[in-house]
Every structure is written in C-alpha cells, then in structure tokens.
Amino acid sequence: MPVTARSASATSTALDLSLPLAQPITLARGPRSHLVTLMDAAILIRDLEPFRKARPVWDRAAEMIMLAGTTGEAADIREATRQLPTAVIFENWWKPKAKQERIDRASPVCES
C-alpha cells in the first residue's frame, strides 16, 4: 500500500492556550501585569502596539506560544515561558533582581 501525504488539518492538533506557563510571570510595567497561561501571554502580544509587535523578539515569543499550545509538551511550554522574559526585558518592562543577572533557561523568574 503506497504512503500518501495527509492533509495538514488531519494531522494537526487543536490549539490549547489554556495551558499554564511553566511558572507565572509578573511584570513591573506593561499592558498586562501577571501572566499565568499561554492565553495571557498571547493576549499580551495581541494587544501590543504595532511597532512593538514588529520586533523579532515578539515574533519568537508568539511562535513559541503557538507551538506550546499546539503540542502541549512540557519542553515547548518551558521554552515559551523562557522567551517571554526575554521579550519583556527588551521592552524594559521587567528587570532582574541584582542577584538574577541572567535568566536561567530551566527556571525563569520574573517577579519583582
């Protein structure tokens, strides 16, 4: 029996943005102050001003949120969660505490 390509809709899974982030993120400034789910993060990006949305750092964050919502895999959710502080630091909406000079890939902490 020959192998045939399935349509994209037959192989794709539903997008679930109700999944929680790897950990909640609290921002010092910005349009949304507390991010708990992938949906919260997606709404933050949706509501950005167009000049901010055009920045590659936000494109990457949106891409990771969509991937995490599609796969539901813990590694993808962690990567989406890690990408958010990267983007908000770029906007100067959060600054790490003195002893948190860099964001740990496994455990982003954004509470101030």
N, C-alpha and C. Protein backbone atom coordinates (compact mmCIF):
# COMPACT_ATOMS: atom_id res chain seq x y z
N MET A 1 0.84 -1.17 0.00
CA MET A 1 0.00 0.00 0.00
C MET A 1 0.90 1.24 0.00
N PRO A 2 0.72 2.17 -0.93
CA PRO A 2 1.56 3.36 -1.00
C PRO A 2 1.26 4.31 0.15
N VAL A 3 2.30 5.01 0.59
CA VAL A 3 2.15 6.01 1.65
C VAL A 3 1.73 7.32 0.99
N THR A 4 0.67 7.89 1.50
CA THR A 4 0.20 9.17 0.94
C THR A 4 0.30 10.25 2.00
N ALA A 5 0.45 11.46 1.56
CA ALA A 5 0.53 12.59 2.49
C ALA A 5 -0.86 12.93 3.01
N ARG A 6 -0.95 13.10 4.29
CA ARG A 6 -2.22 13.50 4.89
C ARG A 6 -2.35 15.02 4.80
N SER A 7 -3.57 15.46 4.83
CA SER A 7 -3.77 16.91 4.83
C SER A 7 -3.33 17.47 6.16
N ALA A 8 -2.96 18.72 6.18
CA ALA A 8 -2.48 19.36 7.41
C ALA A 8 -3.55 19.34 8.48
N SER A 9 -4.80 19.48 8.11
CA SER A 9 -5.85 19.50 9.12
C SER A 9 -6.06 18.13 9.75
N ALA A 10 -5.74 17.08 9.04
CA ALA A 10 -5.92 15.74 9.59
C ALA A 10 -4.83 15.40 10.60
N THR A 11 -3.64 16.00 10.45
CA THR A 11 -2.55 15.67 11.34
C THR A 11 -2.33 16.71 12.43
N SER A 12 -2.87 17.88 12.29
CA SER A 12 -2.63 18.90 13.31
C SER A 12 -3.55 18.71 14.50
N THR A 13 -3.08 19.21 15.65
CA THR A 13 -3.89 19.13 16.85
C THR A 13 -4.46 20.50 17.14
N ALA A 14 -5.47 20.52 17.97
CA ALA A 14 -6.12 21.78 18.31
C ALA A 14 -5.19 22.64 19.18
N LEU A 15 -5.32 23.92 19.02
CA LEU A 15 -4.54 24.87 19.79
C LEU A 15 -5.18 25.05 21.17
N ASP A 16 -4.42 24.79 22.24
CA ASP A 16 -4.94 24.92 23.60
C ASP A 16 -4.12 25.96 24.35
N LEU A 17 -4.62 27.19 24.37
CA LEU A 17 -3.92 28.26 25.05
C LEU A 17 -4.29 28.38 26.52
N SER A 18 -5.13 27.46 27.01
CA SER A 18 -5.48 27.47 28.43
C SER A 18 -4.41 26.80 29.29
N LEU A 19 -3.40 26.22 28.64
CA LEU A 19 -2.32 25.56 29.38
C LEU A 19 -1.54 26.58 30.21
N PRO A 20 -1.15 26.21 31.43
CA PRO A 20 -0.37 27.15 32.25
C PRO A 20 1.06 27.28 31.75
N LEU A 21 1.63 28.45 31.97
CA LEU A 21 3.05 28.64 31.69
C LEU A 21 3.84 27.77 32.67
N ALA A 22 5.12 27.59 32.40
CA ALA A 22 5.96 26.79 33.30
C ALA A 22 5.95 27.39 34.70
N GLN A 23 5.81 28.70 34.77
CA GLN A 23 5.62 29.39 36.04
C GLN A 23 5.03 30.76 35.74
N PRO A 24 4.26 31.32 36.67
CA PRO A 24 3.66 32.65 36.44
C PRO A 24 4.74 33.71 36.28
N ILE A 25 4.44 34.73 35.52
CA ILE A 25 5.36 35.83 35.28
C ILE A 25 4.65 37.12 35.69
N THR A 26 5.29 37.88 36.56
CA THR A 26 4.75 39.17 36.98
C THR A 26 5.65 40.27 36.44
N LEU A 27 5.06 41.21 35.72
CA LEU A 27 5.81 42.29 35.10
C LEU A 27 5.78 43.54 35.98
N ALA A 28 6.83 44.32 35.93
CA ALA A 28 6.88 45.59 36.65
C ALA A 28 6.07 46.65 35.93
N ARG A 29 6.05 46.59 34.60
CA ARG A 29 5.31 47.55 33.77
C ARG A 29 4.76 46.81 32.58
N GLY A 30 4.01 47.52 31.78
CA GLY A 30 3.48 46.94 30.55
C GLY A 30 1.98 46.79 30.60
N PRO A 31 1.40 46.37 29.49
CA PRO A 31 -0.06 46.32 29.38
C PRO A 31 -0.73 45.25 30.23
N ARG A 32 -0.08 44.16 30.53
CA ARG A 32 -0.63 43.10 31.40
C ARG A 32 0.40 42.83 32.47
N SER A 33 -0.02 42.81 33.71
CA SER A 33 0.96 42.70 34.79
C SER A 33 1.24 41.28 35.26
N HIS A 34 0.31 40.34 35.01
CA HIS A 34 0.51 38.99 35.52
C HIS A 34 0.13 37.97 34.44
N LEU A 35 1.08 37.13 34.06
CA LEU A 35 0.87 36.12 33.02
C LEU A 35 0.90 34.75 33.66
N VAL A 36 -0.20 33.99 33.51
CA VAL A 36 -0.31 32.67 34.12
C VAL A 36 -0.45 31.58 33.07
N THR A 37 -1.17 31.84 31.98
CA THR A 37 -1.42 30.85 30.95
C THR A 37 -0.84 31.30 29.62
N LEU A 38 -0.80 30.36 28.67
CA LEU A 38 -0.40 30.72 27.31
C LEU A 38 -1.34 31.78 26.74
N MET A 39 -2.62 31.72 27.11
CA MET A 39 -3.59 32.72 26.64
C MET A 39 -3.23 34.12 27.15
N ASP A 40 -2.83 34.23 28.41
CA ASP A 40 -2.42 35.54 28.94
C ASP A 40 -1.26 36.10 28.12
N ALA A 41 -0.31 35.25 27.80
CA ALA A 41 0.85 35.69 27.01
C ALA A 41 0.43 36.07 25.59
N ALA A 42 -0.48 35.28 25.01
CA ALA A 42 -0.95 35.58 23.65
C ALA A 42 -1.72 36.91 23.61
N ILE A 43 -2.51 37.17 24.64
CA ILE A 43 -3.25 38.43 24.71
C ILE A 43 -2.29 39.60 24.87
N LEU A 44 -1.24 39.42 25.68
CA LEU A 44 -0.22 40.46 25.82
C LEU A 44 0.34 40.83 24.45
N ILE A 45 0.70 39.83 23.67
CA ILE A 45 1.27 40.08 22.35
C ILE A 45 0.24 40.67 21.40
N ARG A 46 -0.98 40.15 21.45
CA ARG A 46 -2.06 40.66 20.58
C ARG A 46 -2.29 42.15 20.81
N ASP A 47 -2.20 42.58 22.07
CA ASP A 47 -2.52 43.97 22.42
C ASP A 47 -1.33 44.92 22.32
N LEU A 48 -0.18 44.43 21.89
CA LEU A 48 0.98 45.31 21.74
C LEU A 48 0.76 46.34 20.64
N GLU A 49 1.40 47.49 20.78
CA GLU A 49 1.38 48.47 19.71
C GLU A 49 2.08 47.87 18.49
N PRO A 50 1.66 48.25 17.28
CA PRO A 50 2.23 47.65 16.07
C PRO A 50 3.76 47.74 15.98
N PHE A 51 4.35 48.85 16.44
CA PHE A 51 5.80 48.97 16.35
C PHE A 51 6.50 47.97 17.27
N ARG A 52 5.88 47.62 18.39
CA ARG A 52 6.47 46.62 19.28
C ARG A 52 6.29 45.22 18.68
N LYS A 53 5.08 44.96 18.19
CA LYS A 53 4.75 43.65 17.62
C LYS A 53 5.68 43.29 16.46
N ALA A 54 6.19 44.30 15.77
CA ALA A 54 7.05 44.06 14.60
C ALA A 54 8.45 43.60 14.99
N ARG A 55 8.80 43.67 16.25
CA ARG A 55 10.14 43.29 16.69
C ARG A 55 10.31 41.78 16.68
N PRO A 56 11.46 41.30 16.22
CA PRO A 56 11.70 39.85 16.15
C PRO A 56 11.55 39.12 17.49
N VAL A 57 11.86 39.79 18.60
CA VAL A 57 11.76 39.14 19.90
C VAL A 57 10.31 38.75 20.20
N TRP A 58 9.35 39.57 19.75
CA TRP A 58 7.94 39.24 19.96
C TRP A 58 7.46 38.19 18.96
N ASP A 59 8.01 38.20 17.75
CA ASP A 59 7.69 37.14 16.79
C ASP A 59 8.10 35.78 17.36
N ARG A 60 9.28 35.73 17.94
CA ARG A 60 9.77 34.48 18.52
C ARG A 60 8.87 34.05 19.69
N ALA A 61 8.49 35.00 20.54
CA ALA A 61 7.61 34.67 21.67
C ALA A 61 6.27 34.13 21.17
N ALA A 62 5.70 34.78 20.17
CA ALA A 62 4.42 34.32 19.62
C ALA A 62 4.55 32.93 19.00
N GLU A 63 5.64 32.71 18.30
CA GLU A 63 5.88 31.40 17.68
C GLU A 63 5.96 30.30 18.74
N MET A 64 6.67 30.58 19.83
CA MET A 64 6.82 29.59 20.90
C MET A 64 5.49 29.34 21.62
N ILE A 65 4.69 30.38 21.79
CA ILE A 65 3.36 30.22 22.42
C ILE A 65 2.48 29.34 21.55
N MET A 66 2.48 29.58 20.26
CA MET A 66 1.67 28.78 19.34
C MET A 66 2.14 27.32 19.32
N LEU A 67 3.44 27.12 19.31
CA LEU A 67 3.99 25.76 19.32
C LEU A 67 3.60 25.04 20.62
N ALA A 68 3.76 25.72 21.75
CA ALA A 68 3.42 25.11 23.04
C ALA A 68 1.93 24.80 23.12
N GLY A 69 1.10 25.68 22.60
CA GLY A 69 -0.34 25.45 22.62
C GLY A 69 -0.76 24.32 21.70
N THR A 70 0.00 24.09 20.66
CA THR A 70 -0.30 23.02 19.71
C THR A 70 0.17 21.66 20.22
N THR A 71 1.41 21.62 20.72
CA THR A 71 1.95 20.33 21.14
C THR A 71 1.58 19.97 22.58
N GLY A 72 1.51 20.99 23.44
CA GLY A 72 1.22 20.74 24.85
C GLY A 72 2.38 20.10 25.59
N GLU A 73 3.53 19.98 24.94
CA GLU A 73 4.69 19.34 25.56
C GLU A 73 5.35 20.26 26.56
N ALA A 74 5.80 19.69 27.67
CA ALA A 74 6.41 20.47 28.75
C ALA A 74 7.62 21.27 28.26
N ALA A 75 8.43 20.69 27.39
CA ALA A 75 9.61 21.39 26.89
C ALA A 75 9.21 22.62 26.07
N ASP A 76 8.16 22.52 25.28
CA ASP A 76 7.70 23.66 24.49
C ASP A 76 7.10 24.75 25.38
N ILE A 77 6.39 24.33 26.43
CA ILE A 77 5.83 25.30 27.37
C ILE A 77 6.95 26.02 28.12
N ARG A 78 7.98 25.28 28.52
CA ARG A 78 9.13 25.91 29.18
C ARG A 78 9.81 26.91 28.26
N GLU A 79 9.97 26.55 26.98
CA GLU A 79 10.62 27.47 26.04
C GLU A 79 9.77 28.72 25.82
N ALA A 80 8.46 28.57 25.72
CA ALA A 80 7.58 29.73 25.58
C ALA A 80 7.69 30.61 26.81
N THR A 81 7.71 29.99 27.98
CA THR A 81 7.83 30.73 29.24
C THR A 81 9.18 31.45 29.31
N ARG A 82 10.24 30.80 28.87
CA ARG A 82 11.57 31.41 28.87
C ARG A 82 11.67 32.58 27.90
N GLN A 83 10.97 32.48 26.78
CA GLN A 83 11.04 33.54 25.78
C GLN A 83 10.33 34.82 26.22
N LEU A 84 9.32 34.70 27.05
CA LEU A 84 8.57 35.89 27.49
C LEU A 84 9.43 36.87 28.27
N PRO A 85 10.20 36.45 29.28
CA PRO A 85 11.07 37.42 29.96
C PRO A 85 12.08 38.05 29.02
N THR A 86 12.54 37.30 28.05
CA THR A 86 13.47 37.86 27.06
C THR A 86 12.83 39.03 26.35
N ALA A 87 11.57 38.87 25.96
CA ALA A 87 10.86 39.93 25.25
C ALA A 87 10.53 41.11 26.16
N VAL A 88 10.08 40.84 27.38
CA VAL A 88 9.70 41.96 28.25
C VAL A 88 10.92 42.71 28.77
N ILE A 89 12.04 42.04 28.93
CA ILE A 89 13.27 42.75 29.29
C ILE A 89 13.66 43.69 28.16
N PHE A 90 13.48 43.25 26.92
CA PHE A 90 13.77 44.09 25.76
C PHE A 90 12.94 45.37 25.81
N GLU A 91 11.71 45.27 26.30
CA GLU A 91 10.81 46.43 26.39
C GLU A 91 11.02 47.24 27.68
N ASN A 92 11.92 46.76 28.53
CA ASN A 92 12.19 47.41 29.82
C ASN A 92 10.96 47.37 30.74
N TRP A 93 10.20 46.27 30.64
CA TRP A 93 9.01 46.09 31.49
C TRP A 93 9.33 45.25 32.71
N TRP A 94 10.52 44.70 32.77
CA TRP A 94 10.95 43.90 33.92
C TRP A 94 12.45 43.91 33.97
N LYS A 95 12.96 44.06 35.15
CA LYS A 95 14.41 43.99 35.34
C LYS A 95 14.68 42.93 36.38
N PRO A 96 15.68 42.08 36.13
CA PRO A 96 16.01 41.05 37.12
C PRO A 96 16.53 41.68 38.40
N LYS A 97 16.32 40.98 39.51
CA LYS A 97 16.88 41.42 40.78
C LYS A 97 18.39 41.36 40.68
N ALA A 98 19.08 42.04 41.57
CA ALA A 98 20.54 42.15 41.49
C ALA A 98 21.23 40.81 41.35
N LYS A 99 20.81 39.80 42.11
CA LYS A 99 21.49 38.52 42.02
C LYS A 99 20.98 37.65 40.88
N GLN A 100 19.99 38.12 40.13
CA GLN A 100 19.47 37.38 38.98
C GLN A 100 19.91 38.09 37.70
N GLU A 101 21.19 38.17 37.49
CA GLU A 101 21.72 38.89 36.34
C GLU A 101 21.35 38.26 35.01
N ARG A 102 21.13 36.97 35.01
CA ARG A 102 20.75 36.31 33.78
C ARG A 102 19.55 35.41 34.06
N ILE A 103 18.79 35.14 33.03
CA ILE A 103 17.62 34.28 33.17
C ILE A 103 18.05 32.85 32.99
N ASP A 104 17.76 32.03 33.97
CA ASP A 104 18.09 30.62 33.90
C ASP A 104 17.14 29.95 32.93
N ARG A 105 17.64 29.22 31.97
CA ARG A 105 16.80 28.57 30.95
C ARG A 105 15.77 27.62 31.56
N ALA A 106 16.11 26.96 32.63
CA ALA A 106 15.19 25.98 33.22
C ALA A 106 14.16 26.62 34.14
N SER A 107 14.44 27.80 34.65
CA SER A 107 13.55 28.39 35.65
C SER A 107 13.51 29.91 35.55
N PRO A 108 12.78 30.47 34.60
CA PRO A 108 12.71 31.92 34.51
C PRO A 108 11.88 32.48 35.65
N VAL A 109 12.45 33.40 36.39
CA VAL A 109 11.74 34.06 37.48
C VAL A 109 11.63 35.52 37.14
N CYS A 110 10.42 36.02 37.07
CA CYS A 110 10.21 37.39 36.62
C CYS A 110 9.49 38.23 37.64
N GLU A 111 9.32 37.75 38.83
CA GLU A 111 8.62 38.54 39.83
C GLU A 111 9.56 39.57 40.42
N SER A 112 9.05 40.73 40.64
CA SER A 112 9.89 41.78 41.22
C SER A 112 9.43 42.15 42.60
